[in-house]
Amino acid sequence: MQLHVITDGKKTKEELVVILSSIHPYVDMIHVREKQRTARELMKLIEALLDKGVPAGKLIINDRVDVAHTLGLRGVQLAYHSIGVSQVRRCFPTLLIGKSVHSFEEVKQAEHEGADYVLYGHVYSTSSKEGLQPKGLSELVGKIASLSIPVIAIGGITPEKVFELKSCGVSGVAIMSGIMDAENVVEATKAYKSSLLVETEGLS
């Protein structure tokens, strides 16, 4: 299973560089989700991360296809309001394209449009989606095997919940507050990574 980490839009550039440069060895993908930053600010942030050794091949930027392409990043994460998957694919065929979805119907639509993977959630209750009912896993049970693209679960995921997610068939988890708000971000990241590895081996 893959471990994706998503920035929370609350940290300074300097804080993000310290956090992400320290945890990148333990994660598969880093999603730069900084909606409040301009394209220029995002460019400076990404350049600082690259200078600190964070691999471009692990960096995914939310929505800003222009920044992802210009800096040679791994990919882009699209939301419901973003440019369509098929349009991005046609213009930027080398980018990894993820789509944020909230139902199995949206998963199938993203697959049909040519997305490389989907972020599905929020699965459990989470402070970042306070007041919104979690999706749970019931809609995915028994259906993931029919898909040709990976499903990455997001929302309220703790290391202890990995077994349930793995048994459902998801290909990975995406973590925001569980890592970004941790007192020790490296230890928190290692805890998630260890849980993913242990559960994966136990079910193989």
C-alpha atoms as a PDB file:
ATOM      1  CA  MET A   1       0.000   0.000   0.000  1.00  0.00           C
ATOM      2  CA  GLN A   2       1.119   3.519  -0.729  1.00  0.00           C
ATOM      3  CA  LEU A   3       1.447   6.360   1.753  1.00  0.00           C
ATOM      4  CA  HIS A   4       0.474   9.802   0.464  1.00  0.00           C
ATOM      5  CA  VAL A   5       0.930  12.937   2.599  1.00  0.00           C
ATOM      6  CA  ILE A   6      -1.091  16.094   1.940  1.00  0.00           C
ATOM      7  CA  THR A   7      -0.147  19.574   3.114  1.00  0.00           C
ATOM      8  CA  ASP A   8      -2.798  21.447   5.074  1.00  0.00           C
ATOM      9  CA  GLY A   9      -2.396  25.027   3.875  1.00  0.00           C
ATOM     10  CA  LYS A  10      -1.587  26.207   7.410  1.00  0.00           C
ATOM     11  CA  LYS A  11       2.207  26.145   7.437  1.00  0.00           C
ATOM     12  CA  THR A  12       4.714  28.738   6.345  1.00  0.00           C
ATOM     13  CA  LYS A  13       6.991  28.001   3.434  1.00  0.00           C
ATOM     14  CA  GLU A  14       9.873  27.456   5.853  1.00  0.00           C
ATOM     15  CA  GLU A  15       7.860  25.048   8.005  1.00  0.00           C
ATOM     16  CA  LEU A  16       6.794  23.048   4.953  1.00  0.00           C
ATOM     17  CA  VAL A  17      10.352  22.734   3.709  1.00  0.00           C
ATOM     18  CA  VAL A  18      11.498  21.385   7.084  1.00  0.00           C
ATOM     19  CA  ILE A  19       8.569  18.954   7.421  1.00  0.00           C
ATOM     20  CA  LEU A  20       8.521  17.606   3.876  1.00  0.00           C
ATOM     21  CA  SER A  21      12.270  17.300   3.505  1.00  0.00           C
ATOM     22  CA  SER A  22      12.382  15.255   6.724  1.00  0.00           C
ATOM     23  CA  ILE A  23       9.559  12.824   5.890  1.00  0.00           C
ATOM     24  CA  HIS A  24       9.971  12.260   2.158  1.00  0.00           C
ATOM     25  CA  PRO A  25      12.091   9.092   2.573  1.00  0.00           C
ATOM     26  CA  TYR A  26       9.140   7.381   4.274  1.00  0.00           C
ATOM     27  CA  VAL A  27       6.330   8.349   1.890  1.00  0.00           C
ATOM     28  CA  ASP A  28       5.400   7.483  -1.681  1.00  0.00           C
ATOM     29  CA  MET A  29       3.778  10.775  -2.687  1.00  0.00           C
ATOM     30  CA  ILE A  30       3.630  14.315  -1.312  1.00  0.00           C
ATOM     31  CA  HIS A  31       0.606  16.390  -2.320  1.00  0.00           C
ATOM     32  CA  VAL A  32       1.242  20.129  -2.187  1.00  0.00           C
ATOM     33  CA  ARG A  33      -2.268  21.403  -1.444  1.00  0.00           C
ATOM     34  CA  GLU A  34      -1.767  25.109  -0.830  1.00  0.00           C
ATOM     35  CA  LYS A  35      -4.836  26.791  -2.299  1.00  0.00           C
ATOM     36  CA  GLN A  36      -4.039  30.162  -0.762  1.00  0.00           C
ATOM     37  CA  ARG A  37      -0.676  30.493  -2.537  1.00  0.00           C
ATOM     38  CA  THR A  38      -0.146  32.142  -5.906  1.00  0.00           C
ATOM     39  CA  ALA A  39       1.565  30.343  -8.769  1.00  0.00           C
ATOM     40  CA  ARG A  40       4.744  32.294  -8.037  1.00  0.00           C
ATOM     41  CA  GLU A  41       4.623  31.344  -4.348  1.00  0.00           C
ATOM     42  CA  LEU A  42       4.063  27.708  -5.247  1.00  0.00           C
ATOM     43  CA  MET A  43       7.018  27.785  -7.617  1.00  0.00           C
ATOM     44  CA  LYS A  44       9.278  29.168  -4.878  1.00  0.00           C
ATOM     45  CA  LEU A  45       8.036  26.557  -2.403  1.00  0.00           C
ATOM     46  CA  ILE A  46       8.586  23.675  -4.816  1.00  0.00           C
ATOM     47  CA  GLU A  47      12.019  24.963  -5.789  1.00  0.00           C
ATOM     48  CA  ALA A  48      12.969  25.116  -2.095  1.00  0.00           C
ATOM     49  CA  LEU A  49      11.778  21.530  -1.617  1.00  0.00           C
ATOM     50  CA  LEU A  50      13.773  20.345  -4.614  1.00  0.00           C
ATOM     51  CA  ASP A  51      16.856  22.145  -3.288  1.00  0.00           C
ATOM     52  CA  LYS A  52      16.426  20.242   0.000  1.00  0.00           C
ATOM     53  CA  GLY A  53      16.418  16.904  -1.800  1.00  0.00           C
ATOM     54  CA  VAL A  54      12.705  16.162  -2.056  1.00  0.00           C
ATOM     55  CA  PRO A  55      12.421  14.209  -5.335  1.00  0.00           C
ATOM     56  CA  ALA A  56      10.313  15.758  -8.092  1.00  0.00           C
ATOM     57  CA  GLY A  57       9.077  12.217  -8.720  1.00  0.00           C
ATOM     58  CA  LYS A  58       7.266  12.249  -5.371  1.00  0.00           C
ATOM     59  CA  LEU A  59       5.647  15.670  -5.725  1.00  0.00           C
ATOM     60  CA  ILE A  60       2.031  16.124  -6.769  1.00  0.00           C
ATOM     61  CA  ILE A  61       0.506  19.590  -6.850  1.00  0.00           C
ATOM     62  CA  ASN A  62      -3.165  20.317  -6.431  1.00  0.00           C
ATOM     63  CA  ASP A  63      -4.942  21.826  -9.415  1.00  0.00           C
ATOM     64  CA  ARG A  64      -1.989  23.820 -10.817  1.00  0.00           C
ATOM     65  CA  VAL A  65      -1.118  21.903 -13.954  1.00  0.00           C
ATOM     66  CA  ASP A  66       1.054  24.797 -15.116  1.00  0.00           C
ATOM     67  CA  VAL A  67       3.313  24.593 -12.054  1.00  0.00           C
ATOM     68  CA  ALA A  68       3.522  20.787 -12.192  1.00  0.00           C
ATOM     69  CA  HIS A  69       4.533  20.852 -15.851  1.00  0.00           C
ATOM     70  CA  THR A  70       6.960  23.764 -15.564  1.00  0.00           C
ATOM     71  CA  LEU A  71       8.915  22.194 -12.696  1.00  0.00           C
ATOM     72  CA  GLY A  72       8.771  18.624 -13.982  1.00  0.00           C
ATOM     73  CA  LEU A  73       6.809  17.273 -11.022  1.00  0.00           C
ATOM     74  CA  ARG A  74       5.317  13.782 -10.858  1.00  0.00           C
ATOM     75  CA  GLY A  75       1.744  14.860 -11.258  1.00  0.00           C
ATOM     76  CA  VAL A  76      -1.344  16.892 -10.484  1.00  0.00           C
ATOM     77  CA  GLN A  77      -4.366  16.302  -8.251  1.00  0.00           C
ATOM     78  CA  LEU A  78      -7.657  17.481  -9.751  1.00  0.00           C
ATOM     79  CA  ALA A  79     -10.834  18.455  -7.898  1.00  0.00           C
ATOM     80  CA  TYR A  80     -14.416  18.703  -9.154  1.00  0.00           C
ATOM     81  CA  HIS A  81     -13.794  22.337 -10.169  1.00  0.00           C
ATOM     82  CA  SER A  82     -10.511  21.625 -11.976  1.00  0.00           C
ATOM     83  CA  ILE A  83      -9.798  21.192 -15.666  1.00  0.00           C
ATOM     84  CA  GLY A  84     -11.071  17.804 -16.829  1.00  0.00           C
ATOM     85  CA  VAL A  85      -8.849  14.729 -16.694  1.00  0.00           C
ATOM     86  CA  SER A  86      -9.065  14.145 -20.428  1.00  0.00           C
ATOM     87  CA  GLN A  87      -8.023  17.719 -21.231  1.00  0.00           C
ATOM     88  CA  VAL A  88      -5.010  17.503 -18.924  1.00  0.00           C
ATOM     89  CA  ARG A  89      -4.065  14.140 -20.403  1.00  0.00           C
ATOM     90  CA  ARG A  90      -4.226  15.499 -23.936  1.00  0.00           C
ATOM     91  CA  CYS A  91      -2.052  18.533 -23.174  1.00  0.00           C
ATOM     92  CA  PHE A  92       0.281  16.984 -20.583  1.00  0.00           C
ATOM     93  CA  PRO A  93       0.548  13.277 -21.393  1.00  0.00           C
ATOM     94  CA  THR A  94       3.489  12.606 -19.059  1.00  0.00           C
ATOM     95  CA  LEU A  95       1.835  13.876 -15.858  1.00  0.00           C
ATOM     96  CA  LEU A  96       0.394  11.454 -13.310  1.00  0.00           C
ATOM     97  CA  ILE A  97      -3.226  12.548 -12.913  1.00  0.00           C
ATOM     98  CA  GLY A  98      -5.236  11.996  -9.754  1.00  0.00           C
ATOM     99  CA  LYS A  99      -8.880  12.905  -9.201  1.00  0.00           C
ATOM    100  CA  SER A 100     -10.620  13.620  -5.894  1.00  0.00           C
ATOM    101  CA  VAL A 101     -13.936  11.737  -5.689  1.00  0.00           C
ATOM    102  CA  HIS A 102     -16.698  11.181  -3.164  1.00  0.00           C
ATOM    103  CA  SER A 103     -18.728   8.257  -4.550  1.00  0.00           C
ATOM    104  CA  PHE A 104     -18.230   5.046  -6.499  1.00  0.00           C
ATOM    105  CA  GLU A 105     -20.013   6.648  -9.435  1.00  0.00           C
ATOM    106  CA  GLU A 106     -17.382   9.400  -9.439  1.00  0.00           C
ATOM    107  CA  VAL A 107     -14.642   6.766  -9.199  1.00  0.00           C
ATOM    108  CA  LYS A 108     -15.966   5.087 -12.349  1.00  0.00           C
ATOM    109  CA  GLN A 109     -16.248   8.442 -14.127  1.00  0.00           C
ATOM    110  CA  ALA A 110     -12.648   9.335 -13.262  1.00  0.00           C
ATOM    111  CA  GLU A 111     -11.523   5.924 -14.498  1.00  0.00           C
ATOM    112  CA  HIS A 112     -13.430   6.441 -17.752  1.00  0.00           C
ATOM    113  CA  GLU A 113     -11.840   9.871 -18.234  1.00  0.00           C
ATOM    114  CA  GLY A 114      -8.352   8.399 -17.889  1.00  0.00           C
ATOM    115  CA  ALA A 115      -7.282   9.266 -14.331  1.00  0.00           C
ATOM    116  CA  ASP A 116      -4.286   7.315 -13.025  1.00  0.00           C
ATOM    117  CA  TYR A 117      -5.763   7.016  -9.521  1.00  0.00           C
ATOM    118  CA  VAL A 118      -8.441   8.547  -7.290  1.00  0.00           C
ATOM    119  CA  LEU A 119      -8.483   9.974  -3.777  1.00  0.00           C
ATOM    120  CA  TYR A 120     -11.705   8.706  -2.178  1.00  0.00           C
ATOM    121  CA  GLY A 121     -13.155  10.210   0.956  1.00  0.00           C
ATOM    122  CA  HIS A 122     -13.513  11.355   3.461  1.00  0.00           C
ATOM    123  CA  VAL A 123     -13.719   7.830   4.812  1.00  0.00           C
ATOM    124  CA  TYR A 124     -13.763   8.506   8.568  1.00  0.00           C
ATOM    125  CA  SER A 125     -14.697  11.539  10.639  1.00  0.00           C
ATOM    126  CA  THR A 126     -11.991  14.186  10.486  1.00  0.00           C
ATOM    127  CA  SER A 127     -11.466  17.644  11.948  1.00  0.00           C
ATOM    128  CA  SER A 128     -10.728  19.019   8.472  1.00  0.00           C
ATOM    129  CA  LYS A 129     -14.279  18.079   7.387  1.00  0.00           C
ATOM    130  CA  GLU A 130     -16.070  18.925  10.625  1.00  0.00           C
ATOM    131  CA  GLY A 131     -19.821  18.591  10.395  1.00  0.00           C
ATOM    132  CA  LEU A 132     -19.755  16.534   7.208  1.00  0.00           C
ATOM    133  CA  GLN A 133     -20.873  12.901   7.309  1.00  0.00           C
ATOM    134  CA  PRO A 134     -18.011  10.506   6.499  1.00  0.00           C
ATOM    135  CA  LYS A 135     -18.421   8.274   3.452  1.00  0.00           C
ATOM    136  CA  GLY A 136     -17.280   5.080   5.142  1.00  0.00           C
ATOM    137  CA  LEU A 137     -16.232   2.072   3.109  1.00  0.00           C
ATOM    138  CA  SER A 138     -19.566   0.368   2.439  1.00  0.00           C
ATOM    139  CA  GLU A 139     -19.886   1.875  -1.041  1.00  0.00           C
ATOM    140  CA  LEU A 140     -16.517   0.424  -2.063  1.00  0.00           C
ATOM    141  CA  VAL A 141     -16.734  -3.066  -0.559  1.00  0.00           C
ATOM    142  CA  GLY A 142     -16.788  -5.682  -3.294  1.00  0.00           C
ATOM    143  CA  LYS A 143     -16.375  -3.093  -6.053  1.00  0.00           C
ATOM    144  CA  ILE A 144     -12.713  -2.084  -5.995  1.00  0.00           C
ATOM    145  CA  ALA A 145     -11.627  -5.283  -7.733  1.00  0.00           C
ATOM    146  CA  SER A 146     -13.624  -4.201 -10.797  1.00  0.00           C
ATOM    147  CA  LEU A 147     -11.516  -1.051 -11.203  1.00  0.00           C
ATOM    148  CA  SER A 148      -8.400  -0.649 -13.321  1.00  0.00           C
ATOM    149  CA  ILE A 149      -7.041   2.298 -11.288  1.00  0.00           C
ATOM    150  CA  PRO A 150      -5.896   2.505  -7.652  1.00  0.00           C
ATOM    151  CA  VAL A 151      -8.141   3.917  -4.945  1.00  0.00           C
ATOM    152  CA  ILE A 152      -6.351   5.936  -2.261  1.00  0.00           C
ATOM    153  CA  ALA A 153      -8.463   6.439   0.882  1.00  0.00           C
ATOM    154  CA  ILE A 154      -8.433   9.794   2.686  1.00  0.00           C
ATOM    155  CA  GLY A 155     -10.024  11.257   5.794  1.00  0.00           C
ATOM    156  CA  GLY A 156      -9.572  10.519   9.495  1.00  0.00           C
ATOM    157  CA  ILE A 157      -7.224   7.581   8.931  1.00  0.00           C
ATOM    158  CA  THR A 158      -5.087   6.409  11.836  1.00  0.00           C
ATOM    159  CA  PRO A 159      -2.464   3.638  11.713  1.00  0.00           C
ATOM    160  CA  GLU A 160      -4.924   1.394  13.586  1.00  0.00           C
ATOM    161  CA  LYS A 161      -7.484   1.655  10.766  1.00  0.00           C
ATOM    162  CA  VAL A 162      -5.152   0.399   8.049  1.00  0.00           C
ATOM    163  CA  PHE A 163      -6.257  -3.241   8.361  1.00  0.00           C
ATOM    164  CA  GLU A 164      -9.880  -2.365   7.598  1.00  0.00           C
ATOM    165  CA  LEU A 165      -8.807  -0.303   4.600  1.00  0.00           C
ATOM    166  CA  LYS A 166      -6.499  -2.989   3.303  1.00  0.00           C
ATOM    167  CA  SER A 167      -9.192  -5.666   3.602  1.00  0.00           C
ATOM    168  CA  CYS A 168     -11.502  -3.424   1.584  1.00  0.00           C
ATOM    169  CA  GLY A 169      -8.979  -3.408  -1.255  1.00  0.00           C
ATOM    170  CA  VAL A 170      -7.734   0.177  -1.326  1.00  0.00           C
ATOM    171  CA  SER A 171      -4.248   0.706  -2.732  1.00  0.00           C
ATOM    172  CA  GLY A 172      -3.093   3.275  -0.221  1.00  0.00           C
ATOM    173  CA  VAL A 173      -3.928   6.000   2.261  1.00  0.00           C
ATOM    174  CA  ALA A 174      -3.569   9.771   2.165  1.00  0.00           C
ATOM    175  CA  ILE A 175      -2.842  11.548   5.434  1.00  0.00           C
ATOM    176  CA  MET A 176      -3.093  15.231   6.277  1.00  0.00           C
ATOM    177  CA  SER A 177      -3.588  16.148   9.954  1.00  0.00           C
ATOM    178  CA  GLY A 178      -2.321  12.793  11.255  1.00  0.00           C
ATOM    179  CA  ILE A 179       1.129  13.797  10.062  1.00  0.00           C
ATOM    180  CA  MET A 180       1.047  17.559   9.470  1.00  0.00           C
ATOM    181  CA  ASP A 181      -0.287  18.271  12.986  1.00  0.00           C
ATOM    182  CA  ALA A 182       1.847  15.677  14.782  1.00  0.00           C
ATOM    183  CA  GLU A 183       4.291  16.801  17.465  1.00  0.00           C
ATOM    184  CA  ASN A 184       6.943  14.639  15.817  1.00  0.00           C
ATOM    185  CA  VAL A 185       6.193  14.435  12.099  1.00  0.00           C
ATOM    186  CA  VAL A 186       8.941  11.911  11.362  1.00  0.00           C
ATOM    187  CA  GLU A 187       7.785   9.463  14.026  1.00  0.00           C
ATOM    188  CA  ALA A 188       4.161   9.875  12.952  1.00  0.00           C
ATOM    189  CA  THR A 189       5.097   9.167   9.336  1.00  0.00           C
ATOM    190  CA  LYS A 190       7.102   6.111  10.341  1.00  0.00           C
ATOM    191  CA  ALA A 191       4.117   4.823  12.344  1.00  0.00           C
ATOM    192  CA  TYR A 192       1.871   5.006   9.285  1.00  0.00           C
ATOM    193  CA  LYS A 193       4.508   3.435   7.057  1.00  0.00           C
ATOM    194  CA  SER A 194       5.125   0.589   9.498  1.00  0.00           C
ATOM    195  CA  SER A 195       1.408  -0.071   9.823  1.00  0.00           C
ATOM    196  CA  LEU A 196       1.006  -0.228   6.059  1.00  0.00           C
ATOM    197  CA  LEU A 197       3.906  -2.636   5.684  1.00  0.00           C
ATOM    198  CA  VAL A 198       2.848  -4.895   8.540  1.00  0.00           C
ATOM    199  CA  GLU A 199      -0.761  -5.122   7.406  1.00  0.00           C
ATOM    200  CA  THR A 200       0.269  -5.709   3.808  1.00  0.00           C
ATOM    201  CA  GLU A 201       2.619  -8.529   4.756  1.00  0.00           C
ATOM    202  CA  GLY A 202       0.021 -10.050   7.071  1.00  0.00           C
ATOM    203  CA  LEU A 203      -2.511 -10.306   4.272  1.00  0.00           C
ATOM    204  CA  SER A 204      -0.166 -11.476   1.529  1.00  0.00           C
END
